[in-house]
């Protein structure tokens, strides 16, 4: 899962509430640094019963950092969920990940 600063965090939480077992299947969560605290707070507030599972959360600072390092960080994943309001960038990132 990749969470960008422009994503709707409440939409992510709502999705996870609908499919809470998805939290157990997540291999890595990449969160942009500017929304890290709020994202973690929302997870804790809404999923206290999942806190026994240590979520693999990684922080990135900028879109370019993630884009240029995605080969190393996201290698060998069969599915990625990209959360961003910028659909053009999300599509570009998805295409780059598809090539890996």
PDB file of N, CA and C in Angstrom:
ATOM      1  N   UNK A   1       0.858  -1.167   0.000  1.00  0.00           N
ATOM      2  CA  UNK A   1       0.000   0.000   0.000  1.00  0.00           C
ATOM      3  C   UNK A   1       0.906   1.232   0.000  1.00  0.00           C
ATOM      4  N   UNK A   2       0.565   2.204  -0.822  1.00  0.00           N
ATOM      5  CA  UNK A   2       1.309   3.463  -0.893  1.00  0.00           C
ATOM      6  C   UNK A   2       0.323   4.590  -0.612  1.00  0.00           C
ATOM      7  N   UNK A   3       0.628   5.389   0.415  1.00  0.00           N
ATOM      8  CA  UNK A   3      -0.258   6.476   0.834  1.00  0.00           C
ATOM      9  C   UNK A   3       0.464   7.805   0.620  1.00  0.00           C
ATOM     10  N   UNK A   4      -0.044   8.603  -0.304  1.00  0.00           N
ATOM     11  CA  UNK A   4       0.535   9.915  -0.572  1.00  0.00           C
ATOM     12  C   UNK A   4      -0.154  10.986   0.258  1.00  0.00           C
ATOM     13  N   UNK A   5       0.506  12.129   0.427  1.00  0.00           N
ATOM     14  CA  UNK A   5      -0.028  13.198   1.273  1.00  0.00           C
ATOM     15  C   UNK A   5      -1.346  13.763   0.759  1.00  0.00           C
ATOM     16  N   UNK A   6      -1.608  13.633  -0.520  1.00  0.00           N
ATOM     17  CA  UNK A   6      -2.856  14.169  -1.059  1.00  0.00           C
ATOM     18  C   UNK A   6      -3.993  13.145  -1.045  1.00  0.00           C
ATOM     19  N   UNK A   7      -3.746  11.979  -0.488  1.00  0.00           N
ATOM     20  CA  UNK A   7      -4.793  10.956  -0.469  1.00  0.00           C
ATOM     21  C   UNK A   7      -5.835  11.244   0.610  1.00  0.00           C
ATOM     22  N   UNK A   8      -6.993  10.702   0.431  1.00  0.00           N
ATOM     23  CA  UNK A   8      -8.076  10.847   1.393  1.00  0.00           C
ATOM     24  C   UNK A   8      -7.911   9.753   2.448  1.00  0.00           C
ATOM     25  N   UNK A   9      -7.310  10.113   3.580  1.00  0.00           N
ATOM     26  CA  UNK A   9      -7.026   9.136   4.623  1.00  0.00           C
ATOM     27  C   UNK A   9      -8.297   8.484   5.155  1.00  0.00           C
ATOM     28  N   UNK A  10      -9.372   9.248   5.210  1.00  0.00           N
ATOM     29  CA  UNK A  10     -10.634   8.694   5.695  1.00  0.00           C
ATOM     30  C   UNK A  10     -11.188   7.649   4.725  1.00  0.00           C
ATOM     31  N   UNK A  11     -10.954   7.834   3.440  1.00  0.00           N
ATOM     32  CA  UNK A  11     -11.373   6.831   2.458  1.00  0.00           C
ATOM     33  C   UNK A  11     -10.575   5.538   2.649  1.00  0.00           C
ATOM     34  N   UNK A  12      -9.298   5.658   2.940  1.00  0.00           N
ATOM     35  CA  UNK A  12      -8.470   4.479   3.187  1.00  0.00           C
ATOM     36  C   UNK A  12      -8.990   3.731   4.411  1.00  0.00           C
ATOM     37  N   UNK A  13      -9.247   4.465   5.487  1.00  0.00           N
ATOM     38  CA  UNK A  13      -9.743   3.851   6.719  1.00  0.00           C
ATOM     39  C   UNK A  13     -11.103   3.201   6.482  1.00  0.00           C
ATOM     40  N   UNK A  14     -11.967   3.860   5.738  1.00  0.00           N
ATOM     41  CA  UNK A  14     -13.282   3.290   5.417  1.00  0.00           C
ATOM     42  C   UNK A  14     -13.124   1.991   4.640  1.00  0.00           C
ATOM     43  N   UNK A  15     -12.235   1.991   3.667  1.00  0.00           N
ATOM     44  CA  UNK A  15     -11.977   0.766   2.901  1.00  0.00           C
ATOM     45  C   UNK A  15     -11.497  -0.348   3.829  1.00  0.00           C
ATOM     46  N   UNK A  16     -10.559  -0.020   4.712  1.00  0.00           N
ATOM     47  CA  UNK A  16     -10.023  -1.023   5.621  1.00  0.00           C
ATOM     48  C   UNK A  16     -11.068  -1.510   6.629  1.00  0.00           C
ATOM     49  N   UNK A  17     -12.017  -0.651   6.967  1.00  0.00           N
ATOM     50  CA  UNK A  17     -13.111  -1.072   7.850  1.00  0.00           C
ATOM     51  C   UNK A  17     -13.999  -2.085   7.143  1.00  0.00           C
ATOM     52  N   UNK A  18     -14.199  -1.889   5.852  1.00  0.00           N
ATOM     53  CA  UNK A  18     -15.015  -2.815   5.073  1.00  0.00           C
ATOM     54  C   UNK A  18     -14.294  -4.154   4.917  1.00  0.00           C
ATOM     55  N   UNK A  19     -12.980  -4.089   4.729  1.00  0.00           N
ATOM     56  CA  UNK A  19     -12.162  -5.295   4.542  1.00  0.00           C
ATOM     57  C   UNK A  19     -11.037  -5.320   5.581  1.00  0.00           C
ATOM     58  N   UNK A  20     -11.353  -5.491   6.864  1.00  0.00           N
ATOM     59  CA  UNK A  20     -10.316  -5.437   7.905  1.00  0.00           C
ATOM     60  C   UNK A  20      -9.266  -6.538   7.784  1.00  0.00           C
ATOM     61  N   UNK A  21      -9.612  -7.662   7.194  1.00  0.00           N
ATOM     62  CA  UNK A  21      -8.628  -8.733   7.039  1.00  0.00           C
ATOM     63  C   UNK A  21      -7.498  -8.322   6.092  1.00  0.00           C
ATOM     64  N   UNK A  22      -7.731  -7.290   5.287  1.00  0.00           N
ATOM     65  CA  UNK A  22      -6.706  -6.776   4.378  1.00  0.00           C
ATOM     66  C   UNK A  22      -5.470  -6.319   5.161  1.00  0.00           C
ATOM     67  N   UNK A  23      -5.674  -5.808   6.380  1.00  0.00           N
ATOM     68  CA  UNK A  23      -4.546  -5.368   7.211  1.00  0.00           C
ATOM     69  C   UNK A  23      -3.596  -6.517   7.508  1.00  0.00           C
ATOM     70  N   UNK A  24      -4.126  -7.706   7.647  1.00  0.00           N
ATOM     71  CA  UNK A  24      -3.287  -8.864   7.947  1.00  0.00           C
ATOM     72  C   UNK A  24      -2.492  -9.335   6.738  1.00  0.00           C
ATOM     73  N   UNK A  25      -2.937  -8.961   5.556  1.00  0.00           N
ATOM     74  CA  UNK A  25      -2.295  -9.413   4.326  1.00  0.00           C
ATOM     75  C   UNK A  25      -1.267  -8.419   3.788  1.00  0.00           C
ATOM     76  N   UNK A  26      -1.227  -7.227   4.349  1.00  0.00           N
ATOM     77  CA  UNK A  26      -0.323  -6.191   3.844  1.00  0.00           C
ATOM     78  C   UNK A  26       1.124  -6.538   4.174  1.00  0.00           C
ATOM     79  N   UNK A  27       1.970  -6.528   3.160  1.00  0.00           N
ATOM     80  CA  UNK A  27       3.395  -6.821   3.330  1.00  0.00           C
ATOM     81  C   UNK A  27       4.192  -5.568   3.692  1.00  0.00           C
ATOM     82  N   UNK A  28       3.841  -4.442   3.058  1.00  0.00           N
ATOM     83  CA  UNK A  28       4.521  -3.175   3.320  1.00  0.00           C
ATOM     84  C   UNK A  28       3.527  -2.037   3.125  1.00  0.00           C
ATOM     85  N   UNK A  29       3.653  -1.014   3.966  1.00  0.00           N
ATOM     86  CA  UNK A  29       2.875   0.209   3.801  1.00  0.00           C
ATOM     87  C   UNK A  29       3.876   1.350   3.688  1.00  0.00           C
ATOM     88  N   UNK A  30       3.814   2.078   2.581  1.00  0.00           N
ATOM     89  CA  UNK A  30       4.654   3.252   2.385  1.00  0.00           C
ATOM     90  C   UNK A  30       3.783   4.479   2.604  1.00  0.00           C
ATOM     91  N   UNK A  31       4.167   5.328   3.552  1.00  0.00           N
ATOM     92  CA  UNK A  31       3.384   6.510   3.894  1.00  0.00           C
ATOM     93  C   UNK A  31       4.269   7.736   3.725  1.00  0.00           C
ATOM     94  N   UNK A  32       3.742   8.744   3.043  1.00  0.00           N
ATOM     95  CA  UNK A  32       4.495   9.989   2.887  1.00  0.00           C
ATOM     96  C   UNK A  32       4.613  10.655   4.256  1.00  0.00           C
ATOM     97  N   UNK A  33       5.796  11.137   4.557  1.00  0.00           N
ATOM     98  CA  UNK A  33       6.126  11.639   5.890  1.00  0.00           C
ATOM     99  C   UNK A  33       5.132  12.678   6.406  1.00  0.00           C
ATOM    100  N   UNK A  34       4.636  13.536   5.556  1.00  0.00           N
ATOM    101  CA  UNK A  34       3.758  14.626   5.985  1.00  0.00           C
ATOM    102  C   UNK A  34       2.412  14.139   6.539  1.00  0.00           C
ATOM    103  N   UNK A  35       1.995  12.919   6.226  1.00  0.00           N
ATOM    104  CA  UNK A  35       0.723  12.398   6.744  1.00  0.00           C
ATOM    105  C   UNK A  35       0.912  11.194   7.660  1.00  0.00           C
ATOM    106  N   UNK A  36       2.138  10.901   7.986  1.00  0.00           N
ATOM    107  CA  UNK A  36       2.433   9.721   8.802  1.00  0.00           C
ATOM    108  C   UNK A  36       1.687   9.729  10.134  1.00  0.00           C
ATOM    109  N   UNK A  37       1.797  10.818  10.887  1.00  0.00           N
ATOM    110  CA  UNK A  37       1.191  10.872  12.221  1.00  0.00           C
ATOM    111  C   UNK A  37      -0.322  10.711  12.153  1.00  0.00           C
ATOM    112  N   UNK A  38      -0.952  11.404  11.234  1.00  0.00           N
ATOM    113  CA  UNK A  38      -2.409  11.318  11.125  1.00  0.00           C
ATOM    114  C   UNK A  38      -2.835   9.925  10.684  1.00  0.00           C
ATOM    115  N   UNK A  39      -2.112   9.330   9.738  1.00  0.00           N
ATOM    116  CA  UNK A  39      -2.432   7.990   9.266  1.00  0.00           C
ATOM    117  C   UNK A  39      -2.309   6.985  10.411  1.00  0.00           C
ATOM    118  N   UNK A  40      -1.223   7.057  11.171  1.00  0.00           N
ATOM    119  CA  UNK A  40      -1.034   6.140  12.301  1.00  0.00           C
ATOM    120  C   UNK A  40      -2.101   6.350  13.365  1.00  0.00           C
ATOM    121  N   UNK A  41      -2.465   7.602  13.617  1.00  0.00           N
ATOM    122  CA  UNK A  41      -3.503   7.908  14.598  1.00  0.00           C
ATOM    123  C   UNK A  41      -4.843   7.301  14.162  1.00  0.00           C
ATOM    124  N   UNK A  42      -5.175   7.462  12.889  1.00  0.00           N
ATOM    125  CA  UNK A  42      -6.431   6.903  12.376  1.00  0.00           C
ATOM    126  C   UNK A  42      -6.439   5.374  12.452  1.00  0.00           C
ATOM    127  N   UNK A  43      -5.302   4.763  12.143  1.00  0.00           N
ATOM    128  CA  UNK A  43      -5.215   3.305  12.262  1.00  0.00           C
ATOM    129  C   UNK A  43      -5.435   2.866  13.706  1.00  0.00           C
ATOM    130  N   UNK A  44      -4.765   3.541  14.624  1.00  0.00           N
ATOM    131  CA  UNK A  44      -4.888   3.184  16.035  1.00  0.00           C
ATOM    132  C   UNK A  44      -6.317   3.396  16.535  1.00  0.00           C
ATOM    133  N   UNK A  45      -6.909   4.497  16.138  1.00  0.00           N
ATOM    134  CA  UNK A  45      -8.266   4.822  16.575  1.00  0.00           C
ATOM    135  C   UNK A  45      -9.291   3.811  16.058  1.00  0.00           C
ATOM    136  N   UNK A  46      -9.116   3.355  14.842  1.00  0.00           N
ATOM    137  CA  UNK A  46     -10.111   2.511  14.198  1.00  0.00           C
ATOM    138  C   UNK A  46      -9.819   1.014  14.245  1.00  0.00           C
ATOM    139  N   UNK A  47      -8.585   0.656  14.540  1.00  0.00           N
ATOM    140  CA  UNK A  47      -8.211  -0.767  14.494  1.00  0.00           C
ATOM    141  C   UNK A  47      -7.428  -1.186  15.722  1.00  0.00           C
ATOM    142  N   UNK A  48      -7.899  -0.842  16.891  1.00  0.00           N
ATOM    143  CA  UNK A  48      -7.207  -1.215  18.129  1.00  0.00           C
ATOM    144  C   UNK A  48      -7.029  -2.714  18.242  1.00  0.00           C
ATOM    145  N   UNK A  49      -7.999  -3.478  17.752  1.00  0.00           N
ATOM    146  CA  UNK A  49      -7.916  -4.932  17.833  1.00  0.00           C
ATOM    147  C   UNK A  49      -6.847  -5.512  16.909  1.00  0.00           C
ATOM    148  N   UNK A  50      -6.316  -4.701  15.971  1.00  0.00           N
ATOM    149  CA  UNK A  50      -5.243  -5.161  15.092  1.00  0.00           C
ATOM    150  C   UNK A  50      -3.870  -4.686  15.552  1.00  0.00           C
ATOM    151  N   UNK A  51      -3.807  -4.001  16.676  1.00  0.00           N
ATOM    152  CA  UNK A  51      -2.528  -3.469  17.120  1.00  0.00           C
ATOM    153  C   UNK A  51      -1.536  -4.553  17.524  1.00  0.00           C
ATOM    154  N   UNK A  52      -2.026  -5.761  17.757  1.00  0.00           N
ATOM    155  CA  UNK A  52      -1.099  -6.843  18.068  1.00  0.00           C
ATOM    156  C   UNK A  52      -0.253  -7.211  16.854  1.00  0.00           C
ATOM    157  N   UNK A  53      -0.710  -6.835  15.681  1.00  0.00           N
ATOM    158  CA  UNK A  53       0.037  -7.066  14.446  1.00  0.00           C
ATOM    159  C   UNK A  53       0.905  -5.841  14.194  1.00  0.00           C
ATOM    160  N   UNK A  54       2.178  -6.047  14.082  1.00  0.00           N
ATOM    161  CA  UNK A  54       3.063  -4.924  13.799  1.00  0.00           C
ATOM    162  C   UNK A  54       3.055  -4.661  12.296  1.00  0.00           C
ATOM    163  N   UNK A  55       2.443  -3.568  11.927  1.00  0.00           N
ATOM    164  CA  UNK A  55       2.336  -3.234  10.513  1.00  0.00           C
ATOM    165  C   UNK A  55       3.685  -2.760   9.980  1.00  0.00           C
ATOM    166  N   UNK A  56       4.074  -3.238   8.820  1.00  0.00           N
ATOM    167  CA  UNK A  56       5.357  -2.873   8.211  1.00  0.00           C
ATOM    168  C   UNK A  56       5.264  -1.511   7.514  1.00  0.00           C
ATOM    169  N   UNK A  57       5.429  -0.440   8.292  1.00  0.00           N
ATOM    170  CA  UNK A  57       5.265   0.912   7.754  1.00  0.00           C
ATOM    171  C   UNK A  57       6.629   1.532   7.474  1.00  0.00           C
ATOM    172  N   UNK A  58       6.766   2.029   6.250  1.00  0.00           N
ATOM    173  CA  UNK A  58       7.981   2.695   5.802  1.00  0.00           C
ATOM    174  C   UNK A  58       7.615   4.117   5.399  1.00  0.00           C
ATOM    175  N   UNK A  59       8.497   5.035   5.692  1.00  0.00           N
ATOM    176  CA  UNK A  59       8.243   6.453   5.423  1.00  0.00           C
ATOM    177  C   UNK A  59       9.061   6.897   4.208  1.00  0.00           C
ATOM    178  N   UNK A  60       8.424   7.693   3.359  1.00  0.00           N
ATOM    179  CA  UNK A  60       9.154   8.344   2.272  1.00  0.00           C
ATOM    180  C   UNK A  60       8.843   9.835   2.321  1.00  0.00           C
ATOM    181  N   UNK A  61       9.750  10.646   1.819  1.00  0.00           N
ATOM    182  CA  UNK A  61       9.628  12.100   1.939  1.00  0.00           C
ATOM    183  C   UNK A  61       8.946  12.746   0.746  1.00  0.00           C
ATOM    184  N   UNK A  62       9.281  12.306  -0.440  1.00  0.00           N
ATOM    185  CA  UNK A  62       8.724  12.943  -1.636  1.00  0.00           C
ATOM    186  C   UNK A  62       8.314  11.888  -2.651  1.00  0.00           C
ATOM    187  N   UNK A  63       7.482  12.307  -3.556  1.00  0.00           N
ATOM    188  CA  UNK A  63       7.050  11.400  -4.628  1.00  0.00           C
ATOM    189  C   UNK A  63       8.241  10.911  -5.432  1.00  0.00           C
ATOM    190  N   UNK A  64       9.148  11.818  -5.724  1.00  0.00           N
ATOM    191  CA  UNK A  64      10.307  11.442  -6.528  1.00  0.00           C
ATOM    192  C   UNK A  64      11.167  10.406  -5.820  1.00  0.00           C
ATOM    193  N   UNK A  65      11.294  10.532  -4.509  1.00  0.00           N
ATOM    194  CA  UNK A  65      12.071   9.550  -3.739  1.00  0.00           C
ATOM    195  C   UNK A  65      11.471   8.155  -3.903  1.00  0.00           C
ATOM    196  N   UNK A  66      10.175   8.057  -3.756  1.00  0.00           N
ATOM    197  CA  UNK A  66       9.517   6.761  -3.905  1.00  0.00           C
ATOM    198  C   UNK A  66       9.603   6.281  -5.349  1.00  0.00           C
ATOM    199  N   UNK A  67       9.395   7.187  -6.269  1.00  0.00           N
ATOM    200  CA  UNK A  67       9.410   6.828  -7.688  1.00  0.00           C
ATOM    201  C   UNK A  67      10.772   6.290  -8.104  1.00  0.00           C
ATOM    202  N   UNK A  68      11.837   6.938  -7.661  1.00  0.00           N
ATOM    203  CA  UNK A  68      13.176   6.518  -8.070  1.00  0.00           C
ATOM    204  C   UNK A  68      13.651   5.292  -7.313  1.00  0.00           C
ATOM    205  N   UNK A  69      13.121   5.049  -6.104  1.00  0.00           N
ATOM    206  CA  UNK A  69      13.564   3.906  -5.306  1.00  0.00           C
ATOM    207  C   UNK A  69      12.580   2.744  -5.337  1.00  0.00           C
ATOM    208  N   UNK A  70      11.561   2.819  -6.164  1.00  0.00           N
ATOM    209  CA  UNK A  70      10.532   1.778  -6.131  1.00  0.00           C
ATOM    210  C   UNK A  70      11.074   0.422  -6.561  1.00  0.00           C
ATOM    211  N   UNK A  71      12.089   0.391  -7.379  1.00  0.00           N
ATOM    212  CA  UNK A  71      12.652  -0.902  -7.784  1.00  0.00           C
ATOM    213  C   UNK A  71      13.149  -1.687  -6.587  1.00  0.00           C
ATOM    214  N   UNK A  72      13.834  -1.024  -5.662  1.00  0.00           N
ATOM    215  CA  UNK A  72      14.371  -1.700  -4.489  1.00  0.00           C
ATOM    216  C   UNK A  72      13.291  -1.976  -3.454  1.00  0.00           C
ATOM    217  N   UNK A  73      12.422  -1.012  -3.217  1.00  0.00           N
ATOM    218  CA  UNK A  73      11.467  -1.091  -2.123  1.00  0.00           C
ATOM    219  C   UNK A  73      10.275  -1.984  -2.398  1.00  0.00           C
ATOM    220  N   UNK A  74       9.800  -2.024  -3.624  1.00  0.00           N
ATOM    221  CA  UNK A  74       8.546  -2.707  -3.928  1.00  0.00           C
ATOM    222  C   UNK A  74       8.732  -3.982  -4.743  1.00  0.00           C
ATOM    223  N   UNK A  75       9.956  -4.378  -4.928  1.00  0.00           N
ATOM    224  CA  UNK A  75      10.245  -5.538  -5.752  1.00  0.00           C
ATOM    225  C   UNK A  75       9.552  -6.796  -5.227  1.00  0.00           C
ATOM    226  N   UNK A  76       9.059  -7.610  -6.120  1.00  0.00           N
ATOM    227  CA  UNK A  76       8.454  -8.909  -5.823  1.00  0.00           C
ATOM    228  C   UNK A  76       7.082  -8.824  -5.172  1.00  0.00           C
ATOM    229  N   UNK A  77       6.313  -7.820  -5.459  1.00  0.00           N
ATOM    230  CA  UNK A  77       4.951  -7.750  -4.956  1.00  0.00           C
ATOM    231  C   UNK A  77       3.995  -7.936  -6.123  1.00  0.00           C
ATOM    232  N   UNK A  78       2.978  -8.727  -5.892  1.00  0.00           N
ATOM    233  CA  UNK A  78       2.046  -9.014  -6.970  1.00  0.00           C
ATOM    234  C   UNK A  78       0.921  -7.994  -7.069  1.00  0.00           C
ATOM    235  N   UNK A  79       0.717  -7.213  -5.989  1.00  0.00           N
ATOM    236  CA  UNK A  79      -0.364  -6.230  -6.014  1.00  0.00           C
ATOM    237  C   UNK A  79       0.021  -5.032  -5.160  1.00  0.00           C
ATOM    238  N   UNK A  80      -0.280  -3.844  -5.661  1.00  0.00           N
ATOM    239  CA  UNK A  80       0.018  -2.615  -4.936  1.00  0.00           C
ATOM    240  C   UNK A  80      -1.221  -1.735  -4.965  1.00  0.00           C
ATOM    241  N   UNK A  81      -1.541  -1.147  -3.832  1.00  0.00           N
ATOM    242  CA  UNK A  81      -2.649  -0.208  -3.728  1.00  0.00           C
ATOM    243  C   UNK A  81      -2.049   1.190  -3.606  1.00  0.00           C
ATOM    244  N   UNK A  82      -2.344   2.054  -4.566  1.00  0.00           N
ATOM    245  CA  UNK A  82      -1.802   3.411  -4.573  1.00  0.00           C
ATOM    246  C   UNK A  82      -2.931   4.371  -4.238  1.00  0.00           C
ATOM    247  N   UNK A  83      -2.755   5.143  -3.171  1.00  0.00           N
ATOM    248  CA  UNK A  83      -3.760   6.105  -2.721  1.00  0.00           C
ATOM    249  C   UNK A  83      -3.237   7.514  -2.971  1.00  0.00           C
ATOM    250  N   UNK A  84      -3.841   8.210  -3.929  1.00  0.00           N
ATOM    251  CA  UNK A  84      -3.445   9.572  -4.272  1.00  0.00           C
ATOM    252  C   UNK A  84      -4.575  10.242  -5.042  1.00  0.00           C
ATOM    253  N   UNK A  85      -4.678  11.551  -4.901  1.00  0.00           N
ATOM    254  CA  UNK A  85      -5.636  12.319  -5.698  1.00  0.00           C
ATOM    255  C   UNK A  85      -5.082  12.573  -7.103  1.00  0.00           C
ATOM    256  N   UNK A  86      -3.778  12.473  -7.262  1.00  0.00           N
ATOM    257  CA  UNK A  86      -3.130  12.727  -8.540  1.00  0.00           C
ATOM    258  C   UNK A  86      -3.138  11.436  -9.367  1.00  0.00           C
ATOM    259  N   UNK A  87      -4.190  11.232 -10.110  1.00  0.00           N
ATOM    260  CA  UNK A  87      -4.351   9.986 -10.856  1.00  0.00           C
ATOM    261  C   UNK A  87      -3.288   9.810 -11.939  1.00  0.00           C
ATOM    262  N   UNK A  88      -2.800  10.904 -12.496  1.00  0.00           N
ATOM    263  CA  UNK A  88      -1.757  10.805 -13.521  1.00  0.00           C
ATOM    264  C   UNK A  88      -0.473  10.242 -12.917  1.00  0.00           C
ATOM    265  N   UNK A  89      -0.069  10.793 -11.775  1.00  0.00           N
ATOM    266  CA  UNK A  89       1.137  10.284 -11.117  1.00  0.00           C
ATOM    267  C   UNK A  89       0.935   8.837 -10.666  1.00  0.00           C
ATOM    268  N   UNK A  90      -0.229   8.526 -10.111  1.00  0.00           N
ATOM    269  CA  UNK A  90      -0.505   7.165  -9.643  1.00  0.00           C
ATOM    270  C   UNK A  90      -0.426   6.176 -10.806  1.00  0.00           C
ATOM    271  N   UNK A  91      -0.956   6.579 -11.946  1.00  0.00           N
ATOM    272  CA  UNK A  91      -0.906   5.700 -13.125  1.00  0.00           C
ATOM    273  C   UNK A  91       0.540   5.518 -13.603  1.00  0.00           C
ATOM    274  N   UNK A  92       1.312   6.606 -13.591  1.00  0.00           N
ATOM    275  CA  UNK A  92       2.718   6.521 -13.983  1.00  0.00           C
ATOM    276  C   UNK A  92       3.487   5.594 -13.059  1.00  0.00           C
ATOM    277  N   UNK A  93       3.268   5.737 -11.756  1.00  0.00           N
ATOM    278  CA  UNK A  93       3.925   4.873 -10.782  1.00  0.00           C
ATOM    279  C   UNK A  93       3.488   3.411 -10.982  1.00  0.00           C
ATOM    280  N   UNK A  94       2.212   3.201 -11.190  1.00  0.00           N
ATOM    281  CA  UNK A  94       1.706   1.843 -11.404  1.00  0.00           C
ATOM    282  C   UNK A  94       2.344   1.218 -12.656  1.00  0.00           C
ATOM    283  N   UNK A  95       2.487   2.006 -13.696  1.00  0.00           N
ATOM    284  CA  UNK A  95       3.115   1.490 -14.921  1.00  0.00           C
ATOM    285  C   UNK A  95       4.581   1.130 -14.674  1.00  0.00           C
ATOM    286  N   UNK A  96       5.263   1.964 -13.899  1.00  0.00           N
ATOM    287  CA  UNK A  96       6.668   1.673 -13.582  1.00  0.00           C
ATOM    288  C   UNK A  96       6.760   0.398 -12.754  1.00  0.00           C
ATOM    289  N   UNK A  97       5.848   0.230 -11.807  1.00  0.00           N
ATOM    290  CA  UNK A  97       5.863  -0.981 -10.977  1.00  0.00           C
ATOM    291  C   UNK A  97       5.516  -2.226 -11.784  1.00  0.00           C
ATOM    292  N   UNK A  98       4.690  -2.055 -12.790  1.00  0.00           N
ATOM    293  CA  UNK A  98       4.292  -3.177 -13.629  1.00  0.00           C
ATOM    294  C   UNK A  98       5.470  -3.702 -14.441  1.00  0.00           C
ATOM    295  N   UNK A  99       6.397  -2.825 -14.777  1.00  0.00           N
ATOM    296  CA  UNK A  99       7.550  -3.190 -15.581  1.00  0.00           C
ATOM    297  C   UNK A  99       8.546  -4.021 -14.770  1.00  0.00           C
ATOM    298  N   UNK A 100       8.556  -3.811 -13.450  1.00  0.00           N
ATOM    299  CA  UNK A 100       9.547  -4.477 -12.593  1.00  0.00           C
ATOM    300  C   UNK A 100       9.405  -5.979 -12.655  1.00  0.00           C
TER     301      UNK A 100
END
